[in-house]
Amino acid sequence: MPTALALGVPGFLELIILAAFAAGIFVVVRLVVRRGQSLPSAFPVIALQDGPGNYKVRGVDKDTRADVERFVQADSRANAQVKAELDGVVVTSVDKVG
């Protein structure tokens, strides 16, 4: 004699078992996918030359709003930027020359 199969809403214990099973599958898949793969960098890292020397500073003059390009003798990129800003330039880029 065939028995009837009763389908109903899963109980609390069954939901916990299903959640644990799904979490286990997720962890296993995640570990398999990550094995042997290193995460790529979020953005390209560019090594910038820094140190004493000549720097080309580009920007905009605060008073005239004209584009300017100046060459500054400085100890570092940050120092070149500060020197240009003290001369009234809104700095947009700093490049080491030579």
C-alpha atoms as a PDB file:
ATOM      1  CA  MET A   1       0.000   0.000   0.000  1.00  0.00           C
ATOM      2  CA  PRO A   2       1.499   3.355  -0.985  1.00  0.00           C
ATOM      3  CA  THR A   3       1.982   5.882   1.775  1.00  0.00           C
ATOM      4  CA  ALA A   4       1.057   9.504   1.279  1.00  0.00           C
ATOM      5  CA  LEU A   5       3.853  12.038   1.306  1.00  0.00           C
ATOM      6  CA  ALA A   6       3.003  15.087   3.360  1.00  0.00           C
ATOM      7  CA  LEU A   7       4.602  18.354   2.284  1.00  0.00           C
ATOM      8  CA  GLY A   8       4.495  21.306   4.590  1.00  0.00           C
ATOM      9  CA  VAL A   9       6.406  24.294   5.827  1.00  0.00           C
ATOM     10  CA  PRO A  10       9.871  23.331   7.092  1.00  0.00           C
ATOM     11  CA  GLY A  11      10.392  23.665  10.804  1.00  0.00           C
ATOM     12  CA  PHE A  12      13.035  25.675  12.634  1.00  0.00           C
ATOM     13  CA  LEU A  13      15.500  22.768  12.911  1.00  0.00           C
ATOM     14  CA  GLU A  14      15.217  21.974   9.207  1.00  0.00           C
ATOM     15  CA  LEU A  15      15.897  25.626   8.313  1.00  0.00           C
ATOM     16  CA  ILE A  16      19.030  25.602  10.482  1.00  0.00           C
ATOM     17  CA  ILE A  17      20.249  22.399   8.813  1.00  0.00           C
ATOM     18  CA  LEU A  18      19.613  23.852   5.328  1.00  0.00           C
ATOM     19  CA  ALA A  19      21.411  27.102   6.222  1.00  0.00           C
ATOM     20  CA  ALA A  20      24.432  25.195   7.567  1.00  0.00           C
ATOM     21  CA  PHE A  21      24.521  23.028   4.443  1.00  0.00           C
ATOM     22  CA  ALA A  22      24.340  26.090   2.148  1.00  0.00           C
ATOM     23  CA  ALA A  23      27.079  27.872   4.125  1.00  0.00           C
ATOM     24  CA  GLY A  24      29.295  24.787   3.900  1.00  0.00           C
ATOM     25  CA  ILE A  25      28.853  24.602   0.127  1.00  0.00           C
ATOM     26  CA  PHE A  26      29.622  28.325  -0.159  1.00  0.00           C
ATOM     27  CA  VAL A  27      32.832  27.975   1.861  1.00  0.00           C
ATOM     28  CA  VAL A  28      34.011  24.939  -0.125  1.00  0.00           C
ATOM     29  CA  VAL A  29      33.359  26.640  -3.475  1.00  0.00           C
ATOM     30  CA  ARG A  30      35.078  29.807  -2.287  1.00  0.00           C
ATOM     31  CA  LEU A  31      38.176  27.885  -1.173  1.00  0.00           C
ATOM     32  CA  VAL A  32      38.384  25.926  -4.427  1.00  0.00           C
ATOM     33  CA  VAL A  33      38.088  29.094  -6.522  1.00  0.00           C
ATOM     34  CA  ARG A  34      40.708  30.975  -4.490  1.00  0.00           C
ATOM     35  CA  ARG A  35      43.232  28.132  -4.388  1.00  0.00           C
ATOM     36  CA  GLY A  36      46.298  29.057  -6.389  1.00  0.00           C
ATOM     37  CA  GLN A  37      45.006  32.498  -7.286  1.00  0.00           C
ATOM     38  CA  SER A  38      46.306  35.656  -5.698  1.00  0.00           C
ATOM     39  CA  LEU A  39      44.023  38.641  -5.582  1.00  0.00           C
ATOM     40  CA  PRO A  40      44.852  41.304  -8.158  1.00  0.00           C
ATOM     41  CA  SER A  41      45.675  44.808  -7.074  1.00  0.00           C
ATOM     42  CA  ALA A  42      42.709  47.131  -6.807  1.00  0.00           C
ATOM     43  CA  PHE A  43      44.471  49.676  -9.001  1.00  0.00           C
ATOM     44  CA  PRO A  44      47.792  49.798 -10.816  1.00  0.00           C
ATOM     45  CA  VAL A  45      50.626  50.856  -8.563  1.00  0.00           C
ATOM     46  CA  ILE A  46      53.086  53.158 -10.292  1.00  0.00           C
ATOM     47  CA  ALA A  47      56.492  53.644  -8.704  1.00  0.00           C
ATOM     48  CA  LEU A  48      57.246  57.360  -8.720  1.00  0.00           C
ATOM     49  CA  GLN A  49      60.787  58.644  -8.653  1.00  0.00           C
ATOM     50  CA  ASP A  50      61.239  60.927  -5.715  1.00  0.00           C
ATOM     51  CA  GLY A  51      64.191  62.760  -4.254  1.00  0.00           C
ATOM     52  CA  PRO A  52      66.208  65.891  -4.855  1.00  0.00           C
ATOM     53  CA  GLY A  53      66.208  67.263  -8.388  1.00  0.00           C
ATOM     54  CA  ASN A  54      64.334  69.336 -10.937  1.00  0.00           C
ATOM     55  CA  TYR A  55      60.568  69.005 -11.198  1.00  0.00           C
ATOM     56  CA  LYS A  56      58.134  70.203 -13.848  1.00  0.00           C
ATOM     57  CA  VAL A  57      55.031  71.532 -12.129  1.00  0.00           C
ATOM     58  CA  ARG A  58      51.856  72.108 -14.139  1.00  0.00           C
ATOM     59  CA  GLY A  59      48.802  73.919 -12.920  1.00  0.00           C
ATOM     60  CA  VAL A  60      46.693  77.061 -13.040  1.00  0.00           C
ATOM     61  CA  ASP A  61      47.680  80.516 -11.812  1.00  0.00           C
ATOM     62  CA  LYS A  62      45.243  81.613  -9.077  1.00  0.00           C
ATOM     63  CA  ASP A  63      45.175  85.252 -10.162  1.00  0.00           C
ATOM     64  CA  THR A  64      45.075  85.039 -13.971  1.00  0.00           C
ATOM     65  CA  ARG A  65      43.564  81.537 -14.271  1.00  0.00           C
ATOM     66  CA  ALA A  66      46.062  80.829 -17.032  1.00  0.00           C
ATOM     67  CA  ASP A  67      47.696  77.443 -17.473  1.00  0.00           C
ATOM     68  CA  VAL A  68      51.281  77.495 -16.219  1.00  0.00           C
ATOM     69  CA  GLU A  69      54.242  75.158 -16.396  1.00  0.00           C
ATOM     70  CA  ARG A  70      57.182  75.802 -14.107  1.00  0.00           C
ATOM     71  CA  PHE A  71      60.463  74.099 -13.388  1.00  0.00           C
ATOM     72  CA  VAL A  72      61.294  73.923  -9.686  1.00  0.00           C
ATOM     73  CA  GLN A  73      64.445  72.770  -7.872  1.00  0.00           C
ATOM     74  CA  ALA A  74      63.180  70.765  -4.886  1.00  0.00           C
ATOM     75  CA  ASP A  75      64.012  67.925  -2.498  1.00  0.00           C
ATOM     76  CA  SER A  76      60.887  65.877  -3.318  1.00  0.00           C
ATOM     77  CA  ARG A  77      57.610  65.886  -5.254  1.00  0.00           C
ATOM     78  CA  ALA A  78      55.729  67.205  -2.260  1.00  0.00           C
ATOM     79  CA  ASN A  79      58.312  69.957  -1.788  1.00  0.00           C
ATOM     80  CA  ALA A  80      57.996  70.991  -5.456  1.00  0.00           C
ATOM     81  CA  GLN A  81      54.216  71.119  -5.109  1.00  0.00           C
ATOM     82  CA  VAL A  82      54.417  73.287  -1.991  1.00  0.00           C
ATOM     83  CA  LYS A  83      56.883  75.684  -3.652  1.00  0.00           C
ATOM     84  CA  ALA A  84      54.557  76.107  -6.631  1.00  0.00           C
ATOM     85  CA  GLU A  85      51.523  76.598  -4.390  1.00  0.00           C
ATOM     86  CA  LEU A  86      53.378  79.304  -2.451  1.00  0.00           C
ATOM     87  CA  ASP A  87      53.913  81.068  -5.802  1.00  0.00           C
ATOM     88  CA  GLY A  88      50.148  81.100  -6.414  1.00  0.00           C
ATOM     89  CA  VAL A  89      49.733  78.005  -8.592  1.00  0.00           C
ATOM     90  CA  VAL A  90      46.958  75.449  -8.184  1.00  0.00           C
ATOM     91  CA  VAL A  91      49.006  72.327  -8.937  1.00  0.00           C
ATOM     92  CA  THR A  92      47.569  69.638 -11.217  1.00  0.00           C
ATOM     93  CA  SER A  93      50.695  67.512 -11.847  1.00  0.00           C
ATOM     94  CA  VAL A  94      54.312  67.191 -10.760  1.00  0.00           C
ATOM     95  CA  ASP A  95      56.868  65.294 -12.862  1.00  0.00           C
ATOM     96  CA  LYS A  96      60.530  64.727 -12.155  1.00  0.00           C
ATOM     97  CA  VAL A  97      62.784  65.964 -14.984  1.00  0.00           C
ATOM     98  CA  GLY A  98      65.926  64.002 -15.817  1.00  0.00           C
END
